[in-house]
C-alpha atoms as a PDB file:
ATOM      1  CA  MET A   1      13.562  -9.041 -10.585  1.00  0.00           C
ATOM      2  CA  MET A   2      15.005 -11.711  -8.615  1.00  0.00           C
ATOM      3  CA  ILE A   3      18.699 -12.083  -7.559  1.00  0.00           C
ATOM      4  CA  PRO A   4      20.586 -14.428  -9.924  1.00  0.00           C
ATOM      5  CA  LEU A   5      20.831 -17.788  -7.925  1.00  0.00           C
ATOM      6  CA  LYS A   6      20.921 -21.096  -9.857  1.00  0.00           C
ATOM      7  CA  LYS A   7      18.623 -22.690  -7.579  1.00  0.00           C
ATOM      8  CA  THR A   8      15.001 -22.112  -8.479  1.00  0.00           C
ATOM      9  CA  VAL A   9      13.092 -19.369  -6.615  1.00  0.00           C
ATOM     10  CA  LEU A  10       9.787 -20.988  -5.367  1.00  0.00           C
ATOM     11  CA  LEU A  11       7.265 -18.480  -3.696  1.00  0.00           C
ATOM     12  CA  ALA A  12       4.146 -20.515  -3.291  1.00  0.00           C
ATOM     13  CA  LEU A  13       3.467 -23.663  -4.961  1.00  0.00           C
ATOM     14  CA  LEU A  14       0.798 -26.291  -4.256  1.00  0.00           C
ATOM     15  CA  SER A  15       0.553 -29.359  -6.455  1.00  0.00           C
ATOM     16  CA  MET A  16      -2.816 -31.196  -7.327  1.00  0.00           C
ATOM     17  CA  MET A  17      -1.859 -34.852  -8.539  1.00  0.00           C
ATOM     18  CA  THR A  18      -4.641 -37.273 -10.017  1.00  0.00           C
ATOM     19  CA  SER A  19      -4.334 -40.387 -11.606  1.00  0.00           C
ATOM     20  CA  MET A  20      -7.158 -40.747 -13.710  1.00  0.00           C
ATOM     21  CA  SER A  21      -7.665 -39.430 -17.560  1.00  0.00           C
ATOM     22  CA  ALA A  22      -9.839 -36.505 -17.609  1.00  0.00           C
ATOM     23  CA  CYS A  23     -11.352 -34.283 -20.622  1.00  0.00           C
ATOM     24  CA  ALA A  24     -12.214 -30.580 -20.509  1.00  0.00           C
ATOM     25  CA  VAL A  25     -14.107 -28.827 -23.489  1.00  0.00           C
ATOM     26  CA  LEU A  26     -14.159 -24.899 -23.590  1.00  0.00           C
ATOM     27  CA  ASN A  27     -16.953 -22.943 -25.335  1.00  0.00           C
ATOM     28  CA  GLY A  28     -19.960 -25.600 -25.572  1.00  0.00           C
ATOM     29  CA  GLY A  29     -18.474 -29.047 -25.642  1.00  0.00           C
ATOM     30  CA  THR A  30     -21.123 -31.373 -24.840  1.00  0.00           C
ATOM     31  CA  GLU A  31     -19.537 -35.050 -25.282  1.00  0.00           C
ATOM     32  CA  THR A  32     -19.171 -37.291 -22.485  1.00  0.00           C
ATOM     33  CA  GLY A  33     -16.057 -39.743 -22.592  1.00  0.00           C
ATOM     34  CA  THR A  34     -14.727 -43.078 -21.041  1.00  0.00           C
ATOM     35  CA  GLY A  35     -11.383 -43.780 -19.615  1.00  0.00           C
ATOM     36  CA  THR A  36      -9.497 -46.324 -17.140  1.00  0.00           C
ATOM     37  CA  ASP A  37      -8.668 -45.680 -13.825  1.00  0.00           C
ATOM     38  CA  THR A  38      -4.684 -45.974 -13.615  1.00  0.00           C
ATOM     39  CA  GLU A  39      -4.725 -47.302  -9.902  1.00  0.00           C
ATOM     40  CA  THR A  40      -7.890 -49.571  -9.838  1.00  0.00           C
ATOM     41  CA  LYS A  41      -8.044 -50.309 -13.612  1.00  0.00           C
ATOM     42  CA  GLN A  42     -11.747 -49.973 -13.326  1.00  0.00           C
ATOM     43  CA  PRO A  43     -13.826 -47.864 -16.160  1.00  0.00           C
ATOM     44  CA  ILE A  44     -14.486 -44.380 -15.424  1.00  0.00           C
ATOM     45  CA  VAL A  45     -17.015 -41.876 -17.360  1.00  0.00           C
ATOM     46  CA  TYR A  46     -16.238 -38.149 -17.692  1.00  0.00           C
ATOM     47  CA  THR A  47     -18.316 -35.320 -18.500  1.00  0.00           C
ATOM     48  CA  PRO A  48     -16.428 -32.024 -19.913  1.00  0.00           C
ATOM     49  CA  PHE A  49     -17.433 -28.855 -18.355  1.00  0.00           C
ATOM     50  CA  VAL A  50     -18.521 -25.922 -20.204  1.00  0.00           C
ATOM     51  CA  LEU A  51     -17.009 -22.405 -19.566  1.00  0.00           C
ATOM     52  CA  ASP A  52     -19.432 -19.978 -20.441  1.00  0.00           C
ATOM     53  CA  VAL A  53     -17.937 -16.850 -21.805  1.00  0.00           C
ATOM     54  CA  SER A  54     -20.770 -15.408 -23.477  1.00  0.00           C
ATOM     55  CA  ASP A  55     -21.767 -13.148 -20.756  1.00  0.00           C
ATOM     56  CA  SER A  56     -21.683  -9.397 -22.079  1.00  0.00           C
ATOM     57  CA  SER A  57     -18.860  -8.814 -19.470  1.00  0.00           C
ATOM     58  CA  TYR A  58     -16.404 -10.585 -21.813  1.00  0.00           C
ATOM     59  CA  GLU A  59     -14.995  -9.724 -25.400  1.00  0.00           C
ATOM     60  CA  THR A  60     -15.732 -12.432 -27.364  1.00  0.00           C
ATOM     61  CA  ASN A  61     -15.301 -13.600 -31.063  1.00  0.00           C
ATOM     62  CA  GLU A  62     -16.874 -16.579 -33.070  1.00  0.00           C
ATOM     63  CA  GLN A  63     -13.645 -18.871 -32.313  1.00  0.00           C
ATOM     64  CA  GLN A  64     -14.102 -22.046 -30.784  1.00  0.00           C
ATOM     65  CA  THR A  65     -11.341 -23.949 -28.651  1.00  0.00           C
ATOM     66  CA  THR A  66     -11.047 -27.259 -27.589  1.00  0.00           C
ATOM     67  CA  VAL A  67      -8.513 -28.330 -24.587  1.00  0.00           C
ATOM     68  CA  THR A  68      -8.423 -32.361 -23.927  1.00  0.00           C
ATOM     69  CA  VAL A  69      -6.085 -33.379 -21.027  1.00  0.00           C
ATOM     70  CA  SER A  70      -5.050 -37.180 -20.791  1.00  0.00           C
ATOM     71  CA  LYS A  71      -3.192 -39.300 -18.730  1.00  0.00           C
ATOM     72  CA  ASP A  72      -0.491 -39.685 -21.581  1.00  0.00           C
ATOM     73  CA  ALA A  73       2.806 -37.780 -20.450  1.00  0.00           C
ATOM     74  CA  VAL A  74       3.870 -35.257 -23.009  1.00  0.00           C
ATOM     75  CA  ASN A  75       6.735 -33.516 -20.913  1.00  0.00           C
ATOM     76  CA  THR A  76       8.326 -33.648 -17.421  1.00  0.00           C
ATOM     77  CA  VAL A  77       8.315 -31.322 -14.986  1.00  0.00           C
ATOM     78  CA  LYS A  78      10.584 -30.462 -12.109  1.00  0.00           C
ATOM     79  CA  LYS A  79      10.154 -32.165  -8.858  1.00  0.00           C
ATOM     80  CA  GLU A  80       9.930 -28.667  -7.128  1.00  0.00           C
ATOM     81  CA  LEU A  81       6.776 -28.187  -8.697  1.00  0.00           C
ATOM     82  CA  PHE A  82       5.111 -30.347  -6.004  1.00  0.00           C
ATOM     83  CA  GLY A  83       5.612 -28.637  -2.882  1.00  0.00           C
ATOM     84  CA  ASP A  84       3.572 -27.269  -0.276  1.00  0.00           C
ATOM     85  CA  ASN A  85       4.171 -24.714   2.824  1.00  0.00           C
ATOM     86  CA  LEU A  86       4.975 -25.425   6.447  1.00  0.00           C
ATOM     87  CA  SER A  87       4.625 -22.696   8.939  1.00  0.00           C
ATOM     88  CA  TRP A  88       6.713 -22.060  12.237  1.00  0.00           C
ATOM     89  CA  ARG A  89       3.311 -21.304  13.861  1.00  0.00           C
ATOM     90  CA  GLY A  90       1.640 -23.622  16.335  1.00  0.00           C
ATOM     91  CA  ASN A  91       4.757 -25.920  16.140  1.00  0.00           C
ATOM     92  CA  GLY A  92       4.210 -26.551  12.494  1.00  0.00           C
ATOM     93  CA  TYR A  93       0.443 -27.038  12.804  1.00  0.00           C
ATOM     94  CA  GLY A  94       1.014 -29.807  15.294  1.00  0.00           C
ATOM     95  CA  VAL A  95       3.978 -31.458  13.162  1.00  0.00           C
ATOM     96  CA  TYR A  96       6.394 -31.093  16.278  1.00  0.00           C
ATOM     97  CA  ASP A  97       5.611 -31.563  20.160  1.00  0.00           C
ATOM     98  CA  PRO A  98       8.228 -29.613  22.015  1.00  0.00           C
ATOM     99  CA  GLU A  99       7.184 -31.546  25.178  1.00  0.00           C
ATOM    100  CA  THR A 100       8.414 -34.934  23.821  1.00  0.00           C
ATOM    101  CA  ASP A 101      11.082 -33.269  21.356  1.00  0.00           C
ATOM    102  CA  SER A 102       9.607 -35.297  18.636  1.00  0.00           C
ATOM    103  CA  PHE A 103       7.469 -35.415  15.527  1.00  0.00           C
ATOM    104  CA  ASN A 104       4.163 -36.126  14.907  1.00  0.00           C
ATOM    105  CA  GLU A 105       4.928 -39.706  13.007  1.00  0.00           C
ATOM    106  CA  THR A 106       1.237 -39.743  11.729  1.00  0.00           C
ATOM    107  CA  LEU A 107       1.407 -36.470   9.855  1.00  0.00           C
ATOM    108  CA  LEU A 108       5.119 -37.315   8.808  1.00  0.00           C
ATOM    109  CA  GLU A 109       3.948 -40.181   6.944  1.00  0.00           C
ATOM    110  CA  ALA A 110       0.955 -38.102   5.410  1.00  0.00           C
ATOM    111  CA  ILE A 111       3.430 -35.561   4.054  1.00  0.00           C
ATOM    112  CA  LYS A 112       5.505 -38.193   2.649  1.00  0.00           C
ATOM    113  CA  ASN A 113       2.631 -40.224   1.063  1.00  0.00           C
ATOM    114  CA  CYS A 114       0.725 -37.473  -0.552  1.00  0.00           C
ATOM    115  CA  GLY A 115       3.857 -36.807  -2.877  1.00  0.00           C
ATOM    116  CA  VAL A 116       5.196 -33.589  -1.778  1.00  0.00           C
ATOM    117  CA  THR A 117       8.654 -33.207  -2.625  1.00  0.00           C
ATOM    118  CA  THR A 118       9.602 -29.671  -1.263  1.00  0.00           C
ATOM    119  CA  LEU A 119       7.972 -27.930   1.833  1.00  0.00           C
ATOM    120  CA  ARG A 120       8.605 -23.886   2.422  1.00  0.00           C
ATOM    121  CA  TYR A 121       9.442 -22.615   5.562  1.00  0.00           C
ATOM    122  CA  PRO A 122       9.109 -20.267   8.012  1.00  0.00           C
ATOM    123  CA  GLY A 123       5.624 -19.883   6.005  1.00  0.00           C
ATOM    124  CA  GLY A 124       4.238 -17.170   3.858  1.00  0.00           C
ATOM    125  CA  ILE A 125       3.655 -13.813   5.354  1.00  0.00           C
ATOM    126  CA  GLU A 126       4.709 -14.759   8.736  1.00  0.00           C
ATOM    127  CA  GLY A 127       8.206 -15.581   7.088  1.00  0.00           C
ATOM    128  CA  ASP A 128       8.620 -11.931   6.506  1.00  0.00           C
ATOM    129  CA  TYR A 129       8.331 -11.242  10.242  1.00  0.00           C
ATOM    130  CA  PHE A 130      10.511 -14.274  11.469  1.00  0.00           C
ATOM    131  CA  ILE A 131      14.208 -13.468  12.673  1.00  0.00           C
ATOM    132  CA  TRP A 132      15.737 -16.639  11.956  1.00  0.00           C
ATOM    133  CA  HIS A 133      18.776 -16.464  14.010  1.00  0.00           C
ATOM    134  CA  GLU A 134      16.346 -16.124  17.036  1.00  0.00           C
ATOM    135  CA  THR A 135      14.990 -19.557  16.826  1.00  0.00           C
ATOM    136  CA  ILE A 136      18.157 -21.646  16.845  1.00  0.00           C
ATOM    137  CA  GLY A 137      20.040 -23.128  19.620  1.00  0.00           C
ATOM    138  CA  GLU A 138      19.027 -22.984  23.256  1.00  0.00           C
ATOM    139  CA  ASP A 139      18.493 -19.312  23.759  1.00  0.00           C
ATOM    140  CA  ARG A 140      15.489 -18.524  21.640  1.00  0.00           C
ATOM    141  CA  GLU A 141      13.732 -15.574  21.431  1.00  0.00           C
ATOM    142  CA  LEU A 142       9.955 -15.001  20.840  1.00  0.00           C
ATOM    143  CA  GLN A 143       9.065 -14.616  17.226  1.00  0.00           C
ATOM    144  CA  MET A 144       5.968 -12.233  16.073  1.00  0.00           C
ATOM    145  CA  ASP A 145       2.918 -14.066  14.789  1.00  0.00           C
ATOM    146  CA  PRO A 146       1.079 -11.750  12.175  1.00  0.00           C
ATOM    147  CA  PHE A 147      -2.099 -14.203  12.488  1.00  0.00           C
ATOM    148  CA  SER A 148      -1.941 -14.764  15.980  1.00  0.00           C
ATOM    149  CA  SER A 149      -5.720 -14.126  16.072  1.00  0.00           C
ATOM    150  CA  GLN A 150      -6.436 -16.773  13.817  1.00  0.00           C
ATOM    151  CA  TYR A 151      -5.635 -20.737  14.083  1.00  0.00           C
ATOM    152  CA  PRO A 152      -3.991 -22.211  15.598  1.00  0.00           C
ATOM    153  CA  THR A 153      -3.500 -19.726  18.551  1.00  0.00           C
ATOM    154  CA  TYR A 154      -6.900 -17.610  18.446  1.00  0.00           C
ATOM    155  CA  TYR A 155      -5.526 -14.970  20.515  1.00  0.00           C
ATOM    156  CA  ALA A 156      -8.285 -12.469  21.339  1.00  0.00           C
ATOM    157  CA  GLY A 157      -5.857  -9.486  21.398  1.00  0.00           C
ATOM    158  CA  GLY A 158      -5.466  -9.592  17.582  1.00  0.00           C
ATOM    159  CA  ASP A 159      -2.355 -10.374  15.354  1.00  0.00           C
ATOM    160  CA  GLY A 160       1.028  -9.471  16.265  1.00  0.00           C
ATOM    161  CA  LYS A 161       1.397 -11.268  19.645  1.00  0.00           C
ATOM    162  CA  LYS A 162       5.095 -13.033  20.224  1.00  0.00           C
ATOM    163  CA  TYR A 163       5.337 -17.012  20.752  1.00  0.00           C
ATOM    164  CA  TYR A 164       8.092 -19.038  21.526  1.00  0.00           C
ATOM    165  CA  PRO A 165       9.405 -20.895  18.270  1.00  0.00           C
ATOM    166  CA  TYR A 166       9.735 -24.480  19.286  1.00  0.00           C
ATOM    167  CA  PHE A 167       9.546 -25.363  15.860  1.00  0.00           C
ATOM    168  CA  GLY A 168      12.379 -23.398  14.949  1.00  0.00           C
ATOM    169  CA  LEU A 169      14.988 -23.861  11.742  1.00  0.00           C
ATOM    170  CA  GLU A 170      16.795 -26.670  13.294  1.00  0.00           C
ATOM    171  CA  GLU A 171      13.783 -28.733  13.995  1.00  0.00           C
ATOM    172  CA  PHE A 172      12.384 -27.973  10.368  1.00  0.00           C
ATOM    173  CA  MET A 173      15.747 -29.001   9.156  1.00  0.00           C
ATOM    174  CA  GLU A 174      15.664 -32.457  10.848  1.00  0.00           C
ATOM    175  CA  MET A 175      12.145 -33.203   9.911  1.00  0.00           C
ATOM    176  CA  CYS A 176      13.096 -32.644   6.122  1.00  0.00           C
ATOM    177  CA  THR A 177      16.161 -34.763   6.412  1.00  0.00           C
ATOM    178  CA  GLN A 178      14.168 -37.564   8.513  1.00  0.00           C
ATOM    179  CA  ILE A 179      11.065 -37.907   5.645  1.00  0.00           C
ATOM    180  CA  GLY A 180      13.621 -37.193   2.817  1.00  0.00           C
ATOM    181  CA  ILE A 181      12.060 -34.063   1.752  1.00  0.00           C
ATOM    182  CA  GLU A 182      13.770 -30.936   0.588  1.00  0.00           C
ATOM    183  CA  ALA A 183      13.422 -27.251   1.715  1.00  0.00           C
ATOM    184  CA  VAL A 184      12.617 -24.336   0.369  1.00  0.00           C
ATOM    185  CA  VAL A 185      13.717 -21.566   2.720  1.00  0.00           C
ATOM    186  CA  GLN A 186      11.937 -18.305   2.795  1.00  0.00           C
ATOM    187  CA  LEU A 187      14.278 -15.246   3.464  1.00  0.00           C
ATOM    188  CA  ASN A 188      12.795 -12.616   5.486  1.00  0.00           C
ATOM    189  CA  ALA A 189      12.379  -9.248   2.926  1.00  0.00           C
ATOM    190  CA  GLY A 190       9.859  -7.935   5.508  1.00  0.00           C
ATOM    191  CA  THR A 191      11.602  -7.000   8.872  1.00  0.00           C
ATOM    192  CA  GLY A 192      14.640  -8.466   8.020  1.00  0.00           C
ATOM    193  CA  THR A 193      17.703  -7.101   6.542  1.00  0.00           C
ATOM    194  CA  PRO A 194      19.888  -8.246   3.394  1.00  0.00           C
ATOM    195  CA  LYS A 195      22.627  -9.418   5.748  1.00  0.00           C
ATOM    196  CA  ASP A 196      20.424 -11.722   7.745  1.00  0.00           C
ATOM    197  CA  ALA A 197      18.816 -12.913   4.828  1.00  0.00           C
ATOM    198  CA  ALA A 198      22.404 -13.767   3.103  1.00  0.00           C
ATOM    199  CA  ASP A 199      23.375 -15.098   6.735  1.00  0.00           C
ATOM    200  CA  LEU A 200      20.608 -17.503   6.822  1.00  0.00           C
ATOM    201  CA  VAL A 201      21.814 -18.807   3.103  1.00  0.00           C
ATOM    202  CA  ARG A 202      25.368 -19.396   4.665  1.00  0.00           C
ATOM    203  CA  TRP A 203      24.150 -20.991   7.766  1.00  0.00           C
ATOM    204  CA  CYS A 204      22.201 -23.596   5.527  1.00  0.00           C
ATOM    205  CA  GLU A 205      24.813 -24.367   3.278  1.00  0.00           C
ATOM    206  CA  GLU A 206      27.496 -24.626   5.798  1.00  0.00           C
ATOM    207  CA  HIS A 207      25.355 -27.530   7.737  1.00  0.00           C
ATOM    208  CA  ASN A 208      24.615 -29.120   4.389  1.00  0.00           C
ATOM    209  CA  TYR A 209      20.916 -28.968   4.889  1.00  0.00           C
ATOM    210  CA  PRO A 210      18.667 -30.479   2.282  1.00  0.00           C
ATOM    211  CA  VAL A 211      17.534 -26.940   0.722  1.00  0.00           C
ATOM    212  CA  SER A 212      16.392 -27.061  -2.822  1.00  0.00           C
ATOM    213  CA  SER A 213      15.715 -23.418  -3.114  1.00  0.00           C
ATOM    214  CA  TYR A 214      15.586 -19.908  -1.637  1.00  0.00           C
ATOM    215  CA  ALA A 215      12.688 -17.539  -2.069  1.00  0.00           C
ATOM    216  CA  ILE A 216      12.886 -13.662  -0.986  1.00  0.00           C
ATOM    217  CA  GLY A 217      10.267 -12.688   1.044  1.00  0.00           C
ATOM    218  CA  ASN A 218       6.656 -13.711   0.274  1.00  0.00           C
ATOM    219  CA  GLU A 219       3.847 -10.766  -0.629  1.00  0.00           C
ATOM    220  CA  VAL A 220       5.520  -7.894   0.519  1.00  0.00           C
ATOM    221  CA  HIS A 221       3.805  -5.790  -2.102  1.00  0.00           C
ATOM    222  CA  PHE A 222       0.597  -5.644   0.028  1.00  0.00           C
ATOM    223  CA  ALA A 223      -0.857  -2.016   0.282  1.00  0.00           C
ATOM    224  CA  GLU A 224      -1.690  -2.461   4.141  1.00  0.00           C
ATOM    225  CA  GLU A 225       0.380  -3.741   6.886  1.00  0.00           C
ATOM    226  CA  ARG A 226      -0.639  -7.171   8.683  1.00  0.00           C
ATOM    227  CA  VAL A 227       0.754  -5.933  11.922  1.00  0.00           C
ATOM    228  CA  MET A 228       0.009  -2.420  13.190  1.00  0.00           C
ATOM    229  CA  PHE A 229       3.068  -0.082  13.885  1.00  0.00           C
ATOM    230  CA  THR A 230       5.265  -2.957  12.044  1.00  0.00           C
ATOM    231  CA  ARG A 231       6.113  -2.281   8.481  1.00  0.00           C
ATOM    232  CA  SER A 232       6.921  -5.440   6.217  1.00  0.00           C
ATOM    233  CA  THR A 233       5.742  -4.386   3.055  1.00  0.00           C
ATOM    234  CA  LYS A 234       7.947  -2.812   0.236  1.00  0.00           C
ATOM    235  CA  THR A 235       7.372  -1.034  -3.052  1.00  0.00           C
ATOM    236  CA  PRO A 236       8.842  -2.631  -6.092  1.00  0.00           C
ATOM    237  CA  GLU A 237      11.509  -0.366  -6.032  1.00  0.00           C
ATOM    238  CA  GLU A 238      12.360  -1.221  -2.341  1.00  0.00           C
ATOM    239  CA  TYR A 239      12.020  -5.083  -2.881  1.00  0.00           C
ATOM    240  CA  ILE A 240      14.447  -5.249  -5.960  1.00  0.00           C
ATOM    241  CA  ASP A 241      17.087  -3.099  -3.729  1.00  0.00           C
ATOM    242  CA  PHE A 242      16.508  -5.784  -1.342  1.00  0.00           C
ATOM    243  CA  ALA A 243      17.190  -8.520  -3.460  1.00  0.00           C
ATOM    244  CA  ASN A 244      20.422  -6.683  -4.912  1.00  0.00           C
ATOM    245  CA  GLU A 245      21.666  -6.465  -1.564  1.00  0.00           C
ATOM    246  CA  VAL A 246      21.248  -9.814  -0.653  1.00  0.00           C
ATOM    247  CA  TYR A 247      23.007 -10.817  -3.742  1.00  0.00           C
ATOM    248  CA  ALA A 248      25.728  -8.426  -2.709  1.00  0.00           C
ATOM    249  CA  GLU A 249      26.177  -9.867   0.680  1.00  0.00           C
ATOM    250  CA  LEU A 250      26.469 -13.508  -0.690  1.00  0.00           C
ATOM    251  CA  GLY A 251      29.321 -12.651  -2.910  1.00  0.00           C
ATOM    252  CA  GLU A 252      30.856 -15.558  -4.897  1.00  0.00           C
ATOM    253  CA  LEU A 253      28.261 -17.871  -2.639  1.00  0.00           C
ATOM    254  CA  ALA A 254      25.396 -16.821  -4.943  1.00  0.00           C
ATOM    255  CA  ASP A 255      26.839 -18.485  -7.988  1.00  0.00           C
ATOM    256  CA  THR A 256      27.031 -21.891  -6.516  1.00  0.00           C
ATOM    257  CA  VAL A 257      23.707 -21.938  -4.543  1.00  0.00           C
END
């Protein structure tokens, strides 16, 4: 259950885009086909793949299904579908350089050119440890990194080490504005409070930042905690209660975002 915000709540979407026609046949198709690459105008040959469901572990029947995928548009989708995720960790994986207070223009150009229309921040699981109001302004506080043992920090002491949030909310919003990409703001449903979440929505709206949607948490249903002695998970009932409290905290604003 989600709070009934009007903007689409996107949790984790990664787009795959292709410009050439293709064909897929299930259950034993063998024909090859031809098409034209819409970019190079060169002929292409494609071979259908076969999904073998004859293994005894599957329940099967005699019915066969053929699925054909073509380059012809049969419907349109919301542009928000073509989104990706950007973490606060490692200065946005190198997007931001705190020493020069500037962005990596090569990476920004790559983001623009790859077709991404939205970016989720401050990440996935790490977003449920992220205290947003501690990452803005000049007086910031260290943030817990639940993946500190992994890329890009490789902290030998394990997960949960705290780092300074150079690539905070303000830097992220500045980047989105600069490259013309909308933000998907993840609200901390792990270590945060409903009030903190609602305050973040208000802050974004008051600053008129380019936010397309808000997401309540990430994968808080996990059975095990990512960081020892720090609870960020929730039961389904706890998650529903949290979402309803966020909605209550937002008041009339919930009907306009």
